[in-house]
Amino acid sequence: METLLYSDTEGEYFLLDYSPSHSEMIIRKIKGREYNIDLFFKAVYNINLNTKLKGINIFKVDRNESLTTSNFADRKYILKIIDSDGFICFIDAGLFVVFHK
């Protein structure tokens, strides 16, 4: 079962920061000089991700239905990302938050 958590098919998102020592990752969409959207992931144990994405859809999926096999954090769900070009990737993270700033 897939649950849509976030969707924005416009614009470009890029990997802004990844800190393995803190298990944190930020994907950013810039919407001008004074406004951007940050997608924050915490407790990141495994990633399969392009550094640049055209549009983004983030789903929560059952690990057993995904294409990944590793289970470092022993979580039931992982995050599946699909961009507007159809590229599919996965993030094994315990927390996902969207910041508009």
N, C-alpha and C. Protein backbone atom coordinates (compact mmCIF):
# COMPACT_ATOMS: atom_id res chain seq x y z
N MET A 1 0.83 -1.18 0.00
CA MET A 1 0.00 0.00 0.00
C MET A 1 0.88 1.25 0.00
N GLU A 2 0.54 2.20 -0.85
CA GLU A 2 1.27 3.47 -0.93
C GLU A 2 0.41 4.59 -0.37
N THR A 3 1.02 5.44 0.44
CA THR A 3 0.34 6.62 0.97
C THR A 3 1.12 7.85 0.52
N LEU A 4 0.46 8.75 -0.20
CA LEU A 4 1.12 9.97 -0.67
C LEU A 4 1.32 10.92 0.51
N LEU A 5 2.58 11.31 0.74
CA LEU A 5 2.92 12.23 1.83
C LEU A 5 3.14 13.65 1.34
N TYR A 6 3.67 13.80 0.13
CA TYR A 6 4.00 15.12 -0.40
C TYR A 6 4.01 15.05 -1.92
N SER A 7 3.48 16.09 -2.57
CA SER A 7 3.49 16.13 -4.02
C SER A 7 3.69 17.56 -4.50
N ASP A 8 4.61 17.74 -5.43
CA ASP A 8 4.85 19.02 -6.10
C ASP A 8 5.50 18.68 -7.43
N THR A 9 4.74 18.74 -8.49
CA THR A 9 5.25 18.34 -9.80
C THR A 9 5.92 19.48 -10.56
N GLU A 10 5.99 20.65 -9.97
CA GLU A 10 6.60 21.81 -10.62
C GLU A 10 7.98 22.09 -10.02
N GLY A 11 8.86 22.62 -10.84
CA GLY A 11 10.16 23.08 -10.35
C GLY A 11 11.17 21.97 -10.15
N GLU A 12 12.35 22.37 -9.71
CA GLU A 12 13.44 21.43 -9.50
C GLU A 12 13.81 21.36 -8.01
N TYR A 13 14.05 20.18 -7.57
CA TYR A 13 14.53 19.91 -6.22
C TYR A 13 15.95 19.37 -6.33
N PHE A 14 16.77 19.68 -5.34
CA PHE A 14 18.13 19.16 -5.35
C PHE A 14 18.57 18.78 -3.94
N LEU A 15 19.49 17.84 -3.88
CA LEU A 15 20.04 17.41 -2.61
C LEU A 15 20.92 18.52 -2.07
N LEU A 16 20.49 19.14 -0.99
CA LEU A 16 21.22 20.27 -0.41
C LEU A 16 22.28 19.80 0.58
N ASP A 17 21.91 18.85 1.43
CA ASP A 17 22.83 18.44 2.49
C ASP A 17 22.52 17.01 2.92
N TYR A 18 23.58 16.26 3.17
CA TYR A 18 23.45 14.93 3.75
C TYR A 18 24.56 14.75 4.76
N SER A 19 24.18 14.41 5.98
CA SER A 19 25.15 14.22 7.05
C SER A 19 25.02 12.79 7.60
N PRO A 20 25.89 11.89 7.16
CA PRO A 20 25.81 10.52 7.66
C PRO A 20 26.02 10.43 9.17
N SER A 21 26.87 11.30 9.73
CA SER A 21 27.14 11.24 11.17
C SER A 21 25.92 11.63 12.00
N HIS A 22 25.05 12.47 11.45
CA HIS A 22 23.82 12.86 12.14
C HIS A 22 22.58 12.20 11.56
N SER A 23 22.76 11.39 10.51
CA SER A 23 21.66 10.69 9.83
C SER A 23 20.57 11.66 9.37
N GLU A 24 21.00 12.80 8.79
CA GLU A 24 20.06 13.82 8.33
C GLU A 24 20.29 14.11 6.85
N MET A 25 19.20 14.47 6.17
CA MET A 25 19.29 14.83 4.76
C MET A 25 18.27 15.93 4.47
N ILE A 26 18.64 16.87 3.60
CA ILE A 26 17.74 17.94 3.18
C ILE A 26 17.71 18.00 1.66
N ILE A 27 16.51 17.98 1.12
CA ILE A 27 16.27 18.21 -0.30
C ILE A 27 15.57 19.56 -0.40
N ARG A 28 16.04 20.45 -1.29
CA ARG A 28 15.52 21.82 -1.34
C ARG A 28 14.95 22.17 -2.71
N LYS A 29 13.86 22.94 -2.68
CA LYS A 29 13.31 23.59 -3.87
C LYS A 29 13.41 25.08 -3.64
N ILE A 30 14.08 25.76 -4.55
CA ILE A 30 14.21 27.22 -4.44
C ILE A 30 13.09 27.87 -5.22
N LYS A 31 12.37 28.78 -4.56
CA LYS A 31 11.25 29.48 -5.21
C LYS A 31 11.49 30.98 -5.19
N GLY A 32 12.70 31.40 -5.42
CA GLY A 32 13.02 32.82 -5.38
C GLY A 32 14.08 33.09 -4.33
N ARG A 33 14.44 34.33 -4.19
CA ARG A 33 15.52 34.68 -3.26
C ARG A 33 15.11 34.58 -1.79
N GLU A 34 13.85 34.79 -1.49
CA GLU A 34 13.44 34.85 -0.09
C GLU A 34 12.55 33.69 0.33
N TYR A 35 12.32 32.71 -0.56
CA TYR A 35 11.41 31.63 -0.22
C TYR A 35 11.90 30.32 -0.82
N ASN A 36 11.92 29.28 -0.02
CA ASN A 36 12.24 27.95 -0.52
C ASN A 36 11.49 26.90 0.29
N ILE A 37 11.52 25.68 -0.20
CA ILE A 37 10.89 24.55 0.48
C ILE A 37 11.99 23.55 0.79
N ASP A 38 12.08 23.15 2.05
CA ASP A 38 13.04 22.13 2.47
C ASP A 38 12.31 20.86 2.87
N LEU A 39 12.76 19.75 2.32
CA LEU A 39 12.26 18.44 2.70
C LEU A 39 13.32 17.83 3.59
N PHE A 40 12.99 17.68 4.87
CA PHE A 40 13.95 17.26 5.89
C PHE A 40 13.70 15.80 6.25
N PHE A 41 14.76 15.01 6.25
CA PHE A 41 14.70 13.60 6.61
C PHE A 41 15.65 13.34 7.77
N LYS A 42 15.20 12.63 8.77
CA LYS A 42 16.01 12.33 9.94
C LYS A 42 16.03 10.81 10.14
N ALA A 43 17.05 10.33 10.80
CA ALA A 43 17.27 8.89 11.02
C ALA A 43 17.36 8.18 9.67
N VAL A 44 18.20 8.75 8.78
CA VAL A 44 18.40 8.20 7.45
C VAL A 44 19.43 7.09 7.52
N TYR A 45 19.03 5.89 7.10
CA TYR A 45 19.93 4.74 7.14
C TYR A 45 20.33 4.23 5.78
N ASN A 46 19.54 4.55 4.76
CA ASN A 46 19.85 4.05 3.43
C ASN A 46 19.18 4.98 2.41
N ILE A 47 19.93 5.36 1.36
CA ILE A 47 19.34 6.22 0.33
C ILE A 47 19.72 5.70 -1.05
N ASN A 48 18.82 5.90 -1.99
CA ASN A 48 19.03 5.65 -3.41
C ASN A 48 18.36 6.84 -4.08
N LEU A 49 19.14 7.85 -4.46
CA LEU A 49 18.55 9.14 -4.83
C LEU A 49 19.38 9.86 -5.87
N ASN A 50 18.72 10.48 -6.84
CA ASN A 50 19.37 11.42 -7.75
C ASN A 50 19.63 12.71 -6.99
N THR A 51 20.67 13.44 -7.34
CA THR A 51 20.95 14.70 -6.67
C THR A 51 20.07 15.83 -7.16
N LYS A 52 19.44 15.66 -8.34
CA LYS A 52 18.53 16.67 -8.88
C LYS A 52 17.27 15.97 -9.38
N LEU A 53 16.11 16.53 -9.00
CA LEU A 53 14.82 15.94 -9.37
C LEU A 53 13.92 17.00 -9.97
N LYS A 54 13.22 16.67 -11.04
CA LYS A 54 12.24 17.57 -11.64
C LYS A 54 10.88 17.20 -11.05
N GLY A 55 10.37 18.06 -10.19
CA GLY A 55 9.13 17.72 -9.48
C GLY A 55 9.39 16.57 -8.53
N ILE A 56 8.45 16.34 -7.62
CA ILE A 56 8.68 15.27 -6.64
C ILE A 56 7.34 14.80 -6.06
N ASN A 57 7.23 13.50 -5.91
CA ASN A 57 6.12 12.86 -5.20
C ASN A 57 6.74 11.91 -4.19
N ILE A 58 6.34 12.03 -2.93
CA ILE A 58 6.89 11.19 -1.88
C ILE A 58 5.78 10.33 -1.31
N PHE A 59 6.01 9.02 -1.31
CA PHE A 59 5.05 8.05 -0.81
C PHE A 59 5.64 7.27 0.35
N LYS A 60 4.80 6.90 1.29
CA LYS A 60 5.19 5.94 2.33
C LYS A 60 4.75 4.57 1.81
N VAL A 61 5.68 3.63 1.71
CA VAL A 61 5.37 2.31 1.18
C VAL A 61 5.83 1.23 2.14
N ASP A 62 5.15 0.11 2.09
CA ASP A 62 5.53 -1.05 2.89
C ASP A 62 6.87 -1.57 2.37
N ARG A 63 7.80 -1.82 3.24
CA ARG A 63 9.14 -2.27 2.82
C ARG A 63 9.05 -3.54 1.98
N ASN A 64 8.15 -4.43 2.30
CA ASN A 64 8.03 -5.69 1.57
C ASN A 64 7.57 -5.49 0.14
N GLU A 65 6.91 -4.36 -0.17
CA GLU A 65 6.44 -4.09 -1.53
C GLU A 65 7.44 -3.26 -2.33
N SER A 66 8.50 -2.78 -1.68
CA SER A 66 9.49 -1.93 -2.36
C SER A 66 10.54 -2.80 -3.03
N LEU A 67 11.42 -2.14 -3.77
CA LEU A 67 12.48 -2.85 -4.48
C LEU A 67 13.74 -3.01 -3.65
N THR A 68 13.77 -2.46 -2.45
CA THR A 68 14.98 -2.53 -1.64
C THR A 68 14.98 -3.81 -0.82
N THR A 69 16.17 -4.27 -0.47
CA THR A 69 16.28 -5.50 0.31
C THR A 69 16.90 -5.28 1.68
N SER A 70 17.71 -4.24 1.82
CA SER A 70 18.36 -4.01 3.11
C SER A 70 17.36 -3.47 4.12
N ASN A 71 17.58 -3.80 5.37
CA ASN A 71 16.66 -3.42 6.43
C ASN A 71 17.45 -3.02 7.66
N PHE A 72 18.30 -2.01 7.51
CA PHE A 72 19.19 -1.61 8.60
C PHE A 72 18.45 -1.15 9.84
N ALA A 73 17.39 -0.38 9.65
CA ALA A 73 16.68 0.18 10.79
C ALA A 73 15.49 -0.67 11.22
N ASP A 74 15.22 -1.75 10.52
CA ASP A 74 14.12 -2.66 10.83
C ASP A 74 12.79 -1.92 10.88
N ARG A 75 12.57 -1.05 9.90
CA ARG A 75 11.31 -0.31 9.81
C ARG A 75 10.33 -1.04 8.91
N LYS A 76 9.06 -0.86 9.19
CA LYS A 76 8.02 -1.47 8.37
C LYS A 76 7.83 -0.70 7.07
N TYR A 77 8.02 0.64 7.12
CA TYR A 77 7.80 1.49 5.96
C TYR A 77 9.07 2.21 5.55
N ILE A 78 9.17 2.53 4.25
CA ILE A 78 10.23 3.38 3.75
C ILE A 78 9.58 4.43 2.84
N LEU A 79 10.36 5.39 2.38
CA LEU A 79 9.85 6.45 1.53
C LEU A 79 10.26 6.20 0.08
N LYS A 80 9.29 6.28 -0.80
CA LYS A 80 9.51 6.10 -2.23
C LYS A 80 9.34 7.47 -2.90
N ILE A 81 10.31 7.86 -3.71
CA ILE A 81 10.26 9.15 -4.39
C ILE A 81 10.19 8.92 -5.90
N ILE A 82 9.25 9.60 -6.55
CA ILE A 82 9.12 9.54 -8.00
C ILE A 82 9.13 10.98 -8.51
N ASP A 83 10.02 11.27 -9.47
CA ASP A 83 10.03 12.62 -10.04
C ASP A 83 9.17 12.65 -11.30
N SER A 84 9.05 13.82 -11.90
CA SER A 84 8.18 14.00 -13.07
C SER A 84 8.67 13.25 -14.30
N ASP A 85 9.95 12.90 -14.32
CA ASP A 85 10.50 12.11 -15.42
C ASP A 85 10.29 10.61 -15.23
N GLY A 86 9.73 10.22 -14.07
CA GLY A 86 9.49 8.81 -13.79
C GLY A 86 10.60 8.10 -13.05
N PHE A 87 11.66 8.83 -12.67
CA PHE A 87 12.75 8.23 -11.92
C PHE A 87 12.23 7.84 -10.54
N ILE A 88 12.53 6.63 -10.09
CA ILE A 88 12.08 6.12 -8.80
C ILE A 88 13.28 5.89 -7.91
N CYS A 89 13.20 6.36 -6.67
CA CYS A 89 14.26 6.11 -5.69
C CYS A 89 13.63 5.88 -4.33
N PHE A 90 14.45 5.47 -3.38
CA PHE A 90 13.97 5.13 -2.04
C PHE A 90 14.85 5.77 -0.98
N ILE A 91 14.23 6.14 0.14
CA ILE A 91 14.94 6.65 1.30
C ILE A 91 14.43 5.90 2.52
N ASP A 92 15.34 5.31 3.28
CA ASP A 92 15.00 4.64 4.52
C ASP A 92 15.24 5.65 5.64
N ALA A 93 14.18 6.35 6.05
CA ALA A 93 14.29 7.39 7.07
C ALA A 93 13.16 7.25 8.08
N GLY A 94 13.44 7.65 9.31
CA GLY A 94 12.45 7.54 10.37
C GLY A 94 11.53 8.74 10.49
N LEU A 95 11.95 9.90 9.93
CA LEU A 95 11.18 11.12 10.05
C LEU A 95 11.25 11.90 8.75
N PHE A 96 10.11 12.45 8.33
CA PHE A 96 10.02 13.30 7.15
C PHE A 96 9.20 14.53 7.48
N VAL A 97 9.76 15.73 7.26
CA VAL A 97 9.09 16.98 7.58
C VAL A 97 9.30 17.95 6.41
N VAL A 98 8.27 18.76 6.12
CA VAL A 98 8.36 19.77 5.07
C VAL A 98 8.38 21.14 5.74
N PHE A 99 9.40 21.95 5.38
CA PHE A 99 9.51 23.31 5.89
C PHE A 99 9.33 24.29 4.73
N HIS A 100 8.44 25.24 4.90
CA HIS A 100 8.26 26.35 3.95
C HIS A 100 8.88 27.57 4.61
N LYS A 101 9.95 28.11 4.02
CA LYS A 101 10.58 29.27 4.62
C LYS A 101 11.05 30.25 3.59
